[in-house]
Protein backbone atom coordinates (compact mmCIF):
# COMPACT_ATOMS: atom_id res chain seq x y z
CA UNK A 1 0.04 0.04 -0.09
CA UNK A 2 1.38 3.47 -0.87
CA UNK A 3 2.44 5.69 1.91
CA UNK A 4 2.91 9.52 1.77
CA UNK A 5 2.60 12.09 4.73
CA UNK A 6 2.44 15.79 4.32
CA UNK A 7 4.23 16.35 7.53
CA UNK A 8 7.18 14.08 7.02
CA UNK A 9 7.49 13.32 3.21
CA UNK A 10 8.98 16.16 0.74
CA UNK A 11 6.34 18.01 -1.26
CA UNK A 12 6.85 21.74 -0.58
CA UNK A 13 9.21 23.16 -3.09
CA UNK A 14 11.47 25.66 -1.26
CA UNK A 15 13.99 28.19 -2.41
CA UNK A 16 16.82 28.72 0.09
CA UNK A 17 18.71 31.99 0.57
CA UNK A 18 21.65 30.33 -0.87
CA UNK A 19 19.85 29.66 -4.16
CA UNK A 20 19.36 25.81 -3.39
CA UNK A 21 15.75 24.34 -4.26
CA UNK A 22 14.48 21.24 -2.56
CA UNK A 23 11.22 19.76 -1.66
CA UNK A 24 10.58 19.49 2.17
CA UNK A 25 7.83 18.07 4.41
CA UNK A 26 5.78 20.43 6.36
CA UNK A 27 7.63 20.12 9.64
CA UNK A 28 10.99 20.46 7.96
CA UNK A 29 9.87 23.59 6.14
CA UNK A 30 8.67 25.11 9.47
CA UNK A 31 11.88 24.15 11.18
CA UNK A 32 14.10 25.48 8.50
CA UNK A 33 11.72 28.64 7.67
CA UNK A 34 14.58 31.11 8.54
CA UNK A 35 16.83 29.67 5.87
CA UNK A 36 14.04 29.54 3.23
CA UNK A 37 13.55 32.64 1.11
CA UNK A 38 10.26 31.55 -0.35
CA UNK A 39 8.06 28.77 -1.55
CA UNK A 40 9.50 27.92 -4.87
CA UNK A 41 6.31 26.73 -6.76
CA UNK A 42 5.98 28.29 -10.14
CA UNK A 43 2.28 28.78 -9.81
CA UNK A 44 1.32 31.53 -7.50
CA UNK A 45 -1.88 29.61 -6.34
CA UNK A 46 0.48 26.84 -5.10
CA UNK A 47 2.64 29.34 -3.19
CA UNK A 48 -0.21 31.02 -1.53
CA UNK A 49 -1.98 27.70 -0.79
CA UNK A 50 1.23 26.38 0.91
CA UNK A 51 1.76 29.58 3.01
CA UNK A 52 -1.84 29.49 4.11
CA UNK A 53 -1.68 25.74 5.01
CA UNK A 54 1.70 26.36 7.09
CA UNK A 55 -0.06 29.30 8.90
CA UNK A 56 -3.07 27.01 9.71
CA UNK A 57 -0.56 24.61 11.33
CA UNK A 58 1.03 27.36 13.36
CA UNK A 59 -2.57 28.47 14.59
CA UNK A 60 -3.52 24.87 15.27
CA UNK A 61 -0.48 24.04 17.23
CA UNK A 62 0.39 27.33 18.84
CA UNK A 63 -2.71 29.45 18.91
CA UNK A 64 -2.42 33.05 18.88
CA UNK A 65 0.99 34.79 18.87
CA UNK A 66 2.28 35.48 22.37
CA UNK A 67 5.11 37.29 24.21
CA UNK A 68 7.21 34.31 24.08
CA UNK A 69 11.05 34.59 24.19
CA UNK A 70 11.45 31.74 21.77
CA UNK A 71 9.48 33.55 19.10
CA UNK A 72 12.25 36.00 18.64
CA UNK A 73 15.01 33.45 18.22
CA UNK A 74 14.71 33.43 14.46
CA UNK A 75 12.98 29.81 14.53
CA UNK A 76 9.70 28.11 14.96
CA UNK A 77 10.82 25.85 17.77
CA UNK A 78 10.09 22.20 17.05
CA UNK A 79 8.29 21.46 20.37
CA UNK A 80 5.69 23.88 19.16
CA UNK A 81 4.49 21.20 16.56
CA UNK A 82 4.34 18.16 18.93
CA UNK A 83 0.59 18.36 18.52
CA UNK A 84 1.07 17.88 14.74
CA UNK A 85 3.38 14.89 15.37
CA UNK A 86 0.88 13.31 17.58
CA UNK A 87 -1.63 13.34 14.75
CA UNK A 88 0.53 12.30 11.90
CA UNK A 89 -2.18 9.87 10.59
CA UNK A 90 -4.38 12.75 9.73
CA UNK A 91 -1.93 14.01 7.22
CA UNK A 92 -1.64 10.72 5.20
CA UNK A 93 -2.55 10.90 1.45
CA UNK A 94 -3.27 7.00 1.22
CA UNK A 95 -4.26 4.12 3.31
CA UNK A 96 -7.45 2.91 4.83
CA UNK A 97 -7.42 5.24 7.89
CA UNK A 98 -7.82 9.01 8.02
CA UNK A 99 -6.64 10.94 5.05
CA UNK A 100 -5.64 14.58 4.62
CA UNK A 101 -8.47 16.55 2.92
CA UNK A 102 -10.13 13.48 1.75
CA UNK A 103 -13.36 11.58 2.40
CA UNK A 104 -14.50 8.16 1.16
CA UNK A 105 -17.47 8.05 -1.24
CA UNK A 106 -18.18 4.54 -2.47
CA UNK A 107 -21.00 5.57 -4.56
CA UNK A 108 -19.10 8.41 -6.65
CA UNK A 109 -17.41 7.54 -9.81
CA UNK A 110 -13.80 8.02 -10.41
CA UNK A 111 -12.41 10.70 -12.64
CA UNK A 112 -8.71 11.72 -13.69
CA UNK A 113 -6.67 13.04 -10.85
CA UNK A 114 -5.66 15.94 -13.25
CA UNK A 115 -8.73 17.87 -11.85
CA UNK A 116 -6.72 18.92 -8.89
CA UNK A 117 -4.90 21.31 -11.13
CA UNK A 118 -6.73 24.07 -13.17
CA UNK A 119 -3.86 24.50 -15.73
CA UNK A 120 -3.93 20.73 -16.72
CA UNK A 121 -6.33 20.03 -19.40
CA UNK A 122 -8.97 17.19 -18.74
CA UNK A 123 -11.54 15.37 -20.70
CA UNK A 124 -12.64 17.60 -23.72
CA UNK A 125 -10.80 20.72 -22.45
CA UNK A 126 -8.05 20.98 -24.66
CA UNK A 127 -4.97 23.21 -24.16
CA UNK A 128 -2.82 24.20 -27.09
CA UNK A 129 0.73 22.99 -26.70
CA UNK A 130 -0.37 20.63 -24.01
CA UNK A 131 -2.18 17.46 -24.12
CA UNK A 132 -3.12 14.94 -21.68
CA UNK A 133 -4.58 11.21 -21.59
CA UNK A 134 -7.16 10.56 -19.06
CA UNK A 135 -6.53 7.34 -17.18
CA UNK A 136 -2.92 7.18 -18.36
CA UNK A 137 -1.20 10.47 -17.40
CA UNK A 138 -1.38 11.57 -13.76
CA UNK A 139 0.43 13.29 -10.77
CA UNK A 140 3.01 12.14 -8.31
CA UNK A 141 1.94 12.18 -4.44
CA UNK A 142 3.83 15.41 -3.96
CA UNK A 143 1.88 17.30 -6.61
CA UNK A 144 -1.34 15.65 -5.24
CA UNK A 145 -0.54 17.37 -1.95
CA UNK A 146 -0.21 20.77 -3.60
CA UNK A 147 -3.54 20.23 -5.42
CA UNK A 148 -5.26 19.34 -2.30
CA UNK A 149 -4.18 22.48 -0.34
CA UNK A 150 -5.39 24.62 -3.43
CA UNK A 151 -8.99 23.34 -2.81
CA UNK A 152 -10.05 25.77 0.10
CA UNK A 153 -8.89 28.65 -1.90
CA UNK A 154 -9.50 28.10 -5.59
CA UNK A 155 -12.37 25.75 -5.90
CA UNK A 156 -15.08 27.18 -8.13
CA UNK A 157 -18.51 26.19 -9.16
CA UNK A 158 -18.22 22.75 -10.93
CA UNK A 159 -21.89 22.09 -12.04
CA UNK A 160 -24.95 20.58 -10.20
CA UNK A 161 -24.16 19.64 -6.77
CA UNK A 162 -20.52 20.90 -6.86
CA UNK A 163 -20.61 24.26 -5.12
CA UNK A 164 -17.61 26.71 -4.91
CA UNK A 165 -15.22 26.89 -1.90
CA UNK A 166 -16.15 29.05 1.18
CA UNK A 167 -14.96 32.08 -0.41
CA UNK A 168 -17.37 31.59 -3.30
CA UNK A 169 -15.94 32.87 -6.59
CA UNK A 170 -12.28 33.24 -5.58
CA UNK A 171 -11.51 36.85 -4.44
CA UNK A 172 -8.26 38.61 -4.78
CA UNK A 173 -6.03 37.34 -2.01
CA UNK A 174 -3.24 39.57 -0.37
CA UNK A 175 -0.65 38.62 2.27
CA UNK A 176 2.28 40.41 3.70
CA UNK A 177 5.56 39.28 2.55
CA UNK A 178 8.85 39.17 4.68
CA UNK A 179 12.48 38.48 3.67
CA UNK A 180 12.15 34.71 4.51
CA UNK A 181 9.47 32.21 4.91
CA UNK A 182 9.86 32.59 8.61
CA UNK A 183 9.21 36.32 8.50
CA UNK A 184 6.29 35.94 6.03
CA UNK A 185 4.59 33.46 8.47
CA UNK A 186 5.15 35.76 11.46
CA UNK A 187 3.87 38.83 9.62
CA UNK A 188 0.60 37.08 8.85
CA UNK A 189 0.27 35.25 12.23
CA UNK A 190 -2.13 37.79 13.77
CA UNK A 191 -4.39 37.76 16.61
CA UNK A 192 -7.85 36.21 16.07
CA UNK A 193 -10.85 35.63 18.08
CA UNK A 194 -12.15 32.09 17.62
CA UNK A 195 -9.41 29.83 16.24
CA UNK A 196 -11.62 26.59 15.99
CA UNK A 197 -10.55 23.22 14.68
CA UNK A 198 -9.21 22.30 11.21
CA UNK A 199 -10.89 19.74 8.96
CA UNK A 200 -8.01 17.16 9.59
CA UNK A 201 -9.06 17.26 13.27
CA UNK A 202 -12.36 15.66 12.66
CA UNK A 203 -14.51 18.76 11.94
CA UNK A 204 -17.84 17.81 10.44
CA UNK A 205 -18.79 18.04 6.82
CA UNK A 206 -18.23 21.69 5.43
CA UNK A 207 -22.03 21.79 4.82
CA UNK A 208 -22.46 21.89 8.67
CA UNK A 209 -20.32 24.85 9.35
CA UNK A 210 -22.57 26.87 11.74
CA UNK A 211 -23.61 30.35 12.05
CA UNK A 212 -20.05 31.78 12.48
CA UNK A 213 -17.02 30.06 11.05
CA UNK A 214 -13.83 30.03 13.12
CA UNK A 215 -10.35 30.64 11.58
CA UNK A 216 -9.09 26.97 11.27
CA UNK A 217 -12.43 25.57 10.18
CA UNK A 218 -12.58 28.21 7.37
CA UNK A 219 -8.95 27.91 6.38
CA UNK A 220 -9.30 24.20 5.82
CA UNK A 221 -12.75 24.01 4.42
CA UNK A 222 -12.67 21.53 1.51
CA UNK A 223 -15.69 21.86 -0.87
CA UNK A 224 -15.17 18.51 -2.67
CA UNK A 225 -15.28 14.83 -1.55
CA UNK A 226 -11.96 13.64 -2.58
CA UNK A 227 -10.28 10.12 -2.53
CA UNK A 228 -7.11 9.56 -4.43
CA UNK A 229 -6.38 6.25 -5.97
CA UNK A 230 -3.16 4.50 -5.10
CA UNK A 231 -0.25 5.62 -7.27
CA UNK A 232 0.94 3.10 -9.84
CA UNK A 233 4.24 3.02 -11.83
CA UNK A 234 4.47 3.01 -15.71
CA UNK A 235 7.50 4.98 -16.62
CA UNK A 236 5.44 8.18 -17.29
CA UNK A 237 6.37 11.49 -15.75
CA UNK A 238 4.10 13.59 -13.44
CA UNK A 239 2.20 16.25 -15.31
CA UNK A 240 2.74 18.69 -12.49
CA UNK A 241 6.62 18.58 -11.83
CA UNK A 242 7.84 16.41 -14.70
CA UNK A 243 9.58 13.76 -12.34
CA UNK A 244 9.37 10.09 -13.14
CA UNK A 245 7.74 7.72 -10.62
CA UNK A 246 4.67 6.15 -9.49
CA UNK A 247 1.62 8.36 -10.35
CA UNK A 248 -1.96 8.89 -9.08
CA UNK A 249 -4.16 8.59 -12.25
CA UNK A 250 -7.68 8.66 -10.92
CA UNK A 251 -9.57 9.88 -7.84
CA UNK A 252 -13.16 10.48 -6.57
CA UNK A 253 -13.90 14.20 -7.01
CA UNK A 254 -17.53 14.59 -5.94
CA UNK A 255 -19.53 17.47 -4.80
CA UNK A 256 -21.09 17.90 -1.43
CA UNK A 257 -24.58 19.21 -2.54
CA UNK A 258 -25.67 22.86 -2.68
CA UNK A 259 -23.96 25.26 -0.05
CA UNK A 260 -26.95 27.62 0.01
CA UNK A 261 -28.72 27.89 3.40
CA UNK A 262 -32.07 26.22 3.69
CA UNK A 263 -35.12 28.45 3.94
CA UNK A 264 -35.21 30.03 7.42
CA UNK A 265 -31.60 29.17 8.21
CA UNK A 266 -28.67 31.86 8.29
CA UNK A 267 -25.64 31.63 5.97
CA UNK A 268 -22.46 30.87 7.88
CA UNK A 269 -20.30 34.08 8.44
CA UNK A 270 -16.81 33.81 7.33
CA UNK A 271 -14.14 36.46 6.79
CA UNK A 272 -11.28 35.13 4.89
CA UNK A 273 -8.16 36.73 6.43
CA UNK A 274 -6.17 36.89 3.33
CA UNK A 275 -8.60 38.27 0.82
CA UNK A 276 -9.93 41.68 -0.02
CA UNK A 277 -13.43 42.52 0.89
CA UNK A 278 -15.51 40.05 -1.09
CA UNK A 279 -17.31 42.33 -3.59
CA UNK A 280 -17.61 42.43 -7.39
CA UNK A 281 -15.02 45.19 -7.56
CA UNK A 282 -12.40 42.85 -5.67
CA UNK A 283 -12.62 39.78 -7.82
CA UNK A 284 -10.40 38.88 -10.70
CA UNK A 285 -11.68 40.01 -13.95
CA UNK A 286 -12.78 37.51 -16.42
CA UNK A 287 -10.72 38.50 -19.21
CA UNK A 288 -8.34 35.87 -20.80
CA UNK A 289 -5.02 37.58 -21.88
CA UNK A 290 -6.15 41.15 -20.65
CA UNK A 291 -4.39 43.03 -18.07
CA UNK A 292 -6.44 42.66 -14.70
CA UNK A 293 -6.34 46.43 -14.14
CA UNK A 294 -7.80 47.13 -17.76
CA UNK A 295 -11.51 47.37 -18.57
CA UNK A 296 -13.12 43.98 -18.92
CA UNK A 297 -16.82 44.94 -19.56
CA UNK A 298 -19.00 47.96 -20.13
CA UNK A 299 -18.77 48.91 -16.35
CA UNK A 300 -15.17 47.79 -15.76
CA UNK A 301 -13.42 51.08 -16.22
CA UNK A 302 -11.38 51.99 -13.32
CA UNK A 303 -11.78 48.63 -11.51
CA UNK A 304 -8.23 48.59 -10.43
CA UNK A 305 -8.91 51.73 -8.37
CA UNK A 306 -11.51 49.81 -5.99
CA UNK A 307 -9.13 46.82 -5.91
CA UNK A 308 -6.12 48.98 -5.03
CA UNK A 309 -8.00 50.88 -2.45
CA UNK A 310 -8.85 47.51 -0.84
CA UNK A 311 -5.31 46.38 -0.95
CA UNK A 312 -4.23 49.60 0.94
CA UNK A 313 -6.85 49.15 3.48
CA UNK A 314 -5.99 45.48 3.99
CA UNK A 315 -2.38 46.73 4.73
CA UNK A 316 -3.74 49.23 7.13
CA UNK A 317 -5.94 46.70 8.84
CA UNK A 318 -3.16 44.11 9.25
CA UNK A 319 -0.79 46.88 10.60
CA UNK A 320 -3.46 47.70 13.22
CA UNK A 321 -3.88 43.91 14.18
CA UNK A 322 0.01 43.64 14.22
CA UNK A 323 0.14 46.35 16.74
CA UNK A 324 -1.82 43.98 19.13
CA UNK A 325 1.07 41.50 19.13
CA UNK A 326 3.52 42.08 21.92
CA UNK A 327 6.65 43.86 20.51
CA UNK A 328 8.79 40.67 21.54
CA UNK A 329 6.72 38.53 19.31
CA UNK A 330 7.10 40.66 16.21
CA UNK A 331 9.66 40.09 13.35
CA UNK A 332 12.69 42.55 13.67
CA UNK A 333 11.79 44.14 10.30
CA UNK A 334 8.08 44.65 11.33
CA UNK A 335 8.41 48.31 12.35
CA UNK A 336 5.49 50.87 12.10
CA UNK A 337 7.93 53.25 10.24
CA UNK A 338 8.36 50.90 7.38
CA UNK A 339 6.28 50.45 4.30
CA UNK A 340 4.42 47.08 4.02
CA UNK A 341 4.86 44.90 1.01
CA UNK A 342 1.80 43.06 -0.03
CA UNK A 343 1.67 40.24 -2.35
CA UNK A 344 -1.52 39.96 -4.45
CA UNK A 345 -2.86 36.82 -6.16
CA UNK A 346 -5.75 37.19 -8.60
CA UNK A 347 -7.39 34.24 -10.19
CA UNK A 348 -9.69 34.91 -13.09
CA UNK A 349 -12.45 32.50 -13.50
CA UNK A 350 -16.04 32.08 -14.77
CA UNK A 351 -17.66 29.33 -12.85
CA UNK A 352 -16.03 26.07 -14.00
CA UNK A 353 -13.94 27.84 -16.73
CA UNK A 354 -10.42 29.02 -15.76
CA UNK A 355 -8.59 31.76 -17.54
CA UNK A 356 -5.45 32.96 -15.79
CA UNK A 357 -3.70 33.68 -12.53
CA UNK A 358 -1.64 36.92 -11.95
CA UNK A 359 0.33 38.14 -9.12
CA UNK A 360 1.54 41.56 -8.12
CA UNK A 361 3.59 43.06 -5.22
CA UNK A 362 2.91 46.52 -3.79
CA UNK A 363 4.12 48.75 -1.06
CA UNK A 364 1.63 50.18 1.43
CA UNK A 365 2.80 53.27 3.02
CA UNK A 366 3.65 53.21 6.79
CA UNK A 367 1.46 55.89 8.06
CA UNK A 368 -2.28 56.17 8.26
CA UNK A 369 -2.21 59.62 6.58
CA UNK A 370 -0.27 58.08 3.60
CA UNK A 371 -2.72 55.24 3.28
CA UNK A 372 -5.78 57.39 3.35
CA UNK A 373 -4.18 59.77 0.79
CA UNK A 374 -3.57 56.93 -1.56
CA UNK A 375 -7.07 55.72 -1.25
CA UNK A 376 -8.51 59.14 -1.88
CA UNK A 377 -6.20 59.66 -4.93
CA UNK A 378 -7.39 56.37 -6.44
CA UNK A 379 -11.09 57.24 -5.90
CA UNK A 380 -10.61 60.64 -7.25
CA UNK A 381 -8.85 59.28 -10.39
CA UNK A 382 -11.73 56.70 -10.81
CA UNK A 383 -14.38 59.66 -10.66
CA UNK A 384 -12.41 61.85 -13.01
CA UNK A 385 -12.04 59.01 -15.56
CA UNK A 386 -15.64 58.41 -15.41
CA UNK A 387 -16.18 61.94 -16.64
CA UNK A 388 -13.91 61.87 -19.44
CA UNK A 389 -16.24 60.48 -22.09
CA UNK A 390 -18.96 62.98 -21.30
CA UNK A 391 -16.45 65.88 -21.38
CA UNK A 392 -15.12 64.52 -24.77
CA UNK A 393 -18.65 64.30 -26.16
CA UNK A 394 -19.28 67.89 -25.12
CA UNK A 395 -16.13 69.26 -26.52
CA UNK A 396 -16.32 67.34 -29.82
CA UNK A 397 -19.41 69.19 -30.92
CA UNK A 398 -20.74 66.14 -32.48
CA UNK A 399 -24.63 65.46 -32.73
CA UNK A 400 -25.86 63.48 -29.70
CA UNK A 401 -26.80 60.45 -32.12
CA UNK A 402 -23.13 60.24 -33.12
CA UNK A 403 -21.56 60.48 -29.72
CA UNK A 404 -21.86 56.70 -28.82
CA UNK A 405 -20.55 55.37 -32.01
CA UNK A 406 -17.69 57.84 -32.45
CA UNK A 407 -16.54 59.67 -29.33
CA UNK A 408 -17.35 57.06 -26.90
CA UNK A 409 -15.61 54.29 -28.67
CA UNK A 410 -12.39 56.44 -29.19
CA UNK A 411 -12.33 57.37 -25.53
CA UNK A 412 -12.90 53.88 -24.41
CA UNK A 413 -9.92 52.60 -26.33
CA UNK A 414 -7.74 55.44 -24.85
CA UNK A 415 -8.96 54.66 -21.26
CA UNK A 416 -8.27 50.98 -21.53
CA UNK A 417 -4.71 51.72 -22.24
CA UNK A 418 -4.19 54.23 -19.64
CA UNK A 419 -5.94 52.42 -16.95
CA UNK A 420 -3.77 49.47 -17.57
CA UNK A 421 -0.53 51.48 -17.38
CA UNK A 422 -1.73 53.32 -14.27
CA UNK A 423 -2.72 50.07 -12.55
CA UNK A 424 0.74 48.43 -13.14
CA UNK A 425 2.28 51.60 -11.68
CA UNK A 426 0.01 51.50 -8.80
CA UNK A 427 0.82 47.90 -8.02
CA UNK A 428 4.65 48.38 -8.04
CA UNK A 429 5.12 51.76 -6.31
CA UNK A 430 3.79 54.10 -3.75
CA UNK A 431 5.28 57.33 -5.10
CA UNK A 432 2.89 57.92 -7.99
CA UNK A 433 3.11 61.09 -10.25
CA UNK A 434 -0.58 61.57 -10.88
CA UNK A 435 0.10 64.68 -13.03
CA UNK A 436 2.28 62.38 -15.30
CA UNK A 437 -0.62 59.90 -15.58
CA UNK A 438 -3.06 62.73 -16.47
CA UNK A 439 -0.56 64.05 -19.05
CA UNK A 440 -0.84 60.56 -20.81
CA UNK A 441 -4.57 61.49 -21.48
CA UNK A 442 -3.73 64.76 -22.93
CA UNK A 443 -1.39 63.30 -25.52
CA UNK A 444 -4.02 60.59 -26.58
CA UNK A 445 -6.75 62.89 -26.55
CA UNK A 446 -4.95 65.29 -28.95
CA UNK A 447 -4.71 62.31 -31.18
CA UNK A 448 -8.39 61.67 -30.89
CA UNK A 449 -9.08 65.33 -31.69
CA UNK A 450 -7.20 65.09 -34.86
CA UNK A 451 -9.23 61.92 -35.79
CA UNK A 452 -12.85 63.24 -34.80
CA UNK A 453 -12.15 66.78 -35.94
CA UNK A 454 -10.32 66.88 -39.23
CA UNK A 455 -9.87 70.15 -41.12
CA UNK A 456 -8.85 73.65 -40.17
CA UNK A 457 -12.25 75.39 -40.00
CA UNK A 458 -12.84 77.26 -36.62
CA UNK A 459 -15.22 74.67 -35.43
CA UNK A 460 -12.74 71.94 -36.05
CA UNK A 461 -9.93 73.99 -34.29
CA UNK A 462 -12.16 74.47 -31.27
CA UNK A 463 -12.88 70.70 -31.16
CA UNK A 464 -9.41 69.76 -31.38
CA UNK A 465 -8.30 72.27 -28.72
CA UNK A 466 -11.24 71.20 -26.37
CA UNK A 467 -10.40 67.52 -26.78
CA UNK A 468 -6.72 67.98 -26.41
CA UNK A 469 -7.18 69.62 -23.05
CA UNK A 470 -9.10 66.92 -21.52
CA UNK A 471 -7.40 65.04 -18.53
CA UNK A 472 -8.28 64.17 -14.99
CA UNK A 473 -8.02 66.90 -12.37
CA UNK A 474 -5.97 65.31 -9.50
CA UNK A 475 -5.61 68.42 -7.31
CA UNK A 476 -7.15 67.24 -3.99
CA UNK A 477 -6.34 68.26 -0.44
CA UNK A 478 -4.20 66.08 1.86
CA UNK A 479 -5.80 63.45 3.91
CA UNK A 480 -4.47 65.13 7.07
CA UNK A 481 -7.51 67.39 6.89
CA UNK A 482 -9.87 64.50 6.77
CA UNK A 483 -10.88 61.75 8.96
CA UNK A 484 -9.30 58.30 7.88
CA UNK A 485 -12.00 56.05 6.26
CA UNK A 486 -12.70 52.71 7.78
CA UNK A 487 -11.07 49.72 6.06
CA UNK A 488 -13.10 47.69 3.67
CA UNK A 489 -11.55 44.47 4.10
CA UNK A 490 -12.24 40.96 5.57
CA UNK A 491 -10.59 39.98 8.85
CA UNK A 492 -10.93 37.15 11.28
């Protein structure tokens, strides 16, 4: 019988500070966290899922952060995780006993194990330049572990009876980054109210979550009934990592029924600690191949501004919660006078159709005034951008019946390009030159003027001049004269 355990067997790809890359078991990764620069998985969904899983282990074994001298020693002490060692059987991938994130269902049919990874084509979902054979190609046990820890974060609607994960359509996730895996874990190990129990400790079916979902119950919520078949050898290579060896080719991957509350009952309350506030403006755009900060549908202009304001607020909220941690339990670099680096992972999907995943890093300013200023500037930019089309239509002097087909189409194309450029700048820097971004509008609006108002008549010259002057007005007062706005993010 196959044997593989997430605590002891190597499955987490780790990049050390010296450049070496190796797979480690969860306990070894926690013990060596100071020497590990980052999780070395190529897909940001895997990196995020592993960090979230390791944090769940820390909360389960240690609880909330405390003023413990051992917490400042540059390690996560081994005895902290004796609780996990006492429950090794709960982290097994195979066998007749308890299995990690799995539940047996003898009535469900088996399908290809490749459904664990969204980027691997299955069935009739063909991917250009990549082809798979259901029932023959498969995944090694280490990659199966990565696929399982993805499920709580990135499971989407999969048809009748296959509800999405606890976060619904995957939101935009954001966590704080440190200079090592140890520092990243400590930066995101924040005080919470109710810790609860994880699914591997015998929590009931995810359909019975209760009115308020504790932290560990939500972090380990598995919205599918999974049961991996034993790996078998055939000489083929793993579709995930490319390594030869025994592969898991089939699994049960059944739904748990509808997650909608029954009439008269209350939907479970859950605040994902690593997600922006779950609203339409803070979900990844469904636009294959498009920049996530650009327009994706008729009302999508300026969407990045709402997303970015949420990211800034998330940084402020985490900074406030970090202040509750005793100073001795804080990482050395976690000072209030430093900017906070947020890592953002955005997964674009339309129910069971997957498009792409993107990632960004951004700096959140260290002061409350700076955070509020940035939020207000982004909101001002969004409002001004929404006025551009109406101002252009008025300046063009075109009859109203022509405005939609001529002016609005031209302005829409210009705005798409500028919003994508500004969004990328926002994601990578805090010192933003808003006047320079506004200047980009003037140059392109002058080109629109030449197109919409050709000729040298007085009317054409006035239209050219009016169109060429259009740009967002970003002269807003400092936030110091205003009360800070409340963060609009989730938290546990």
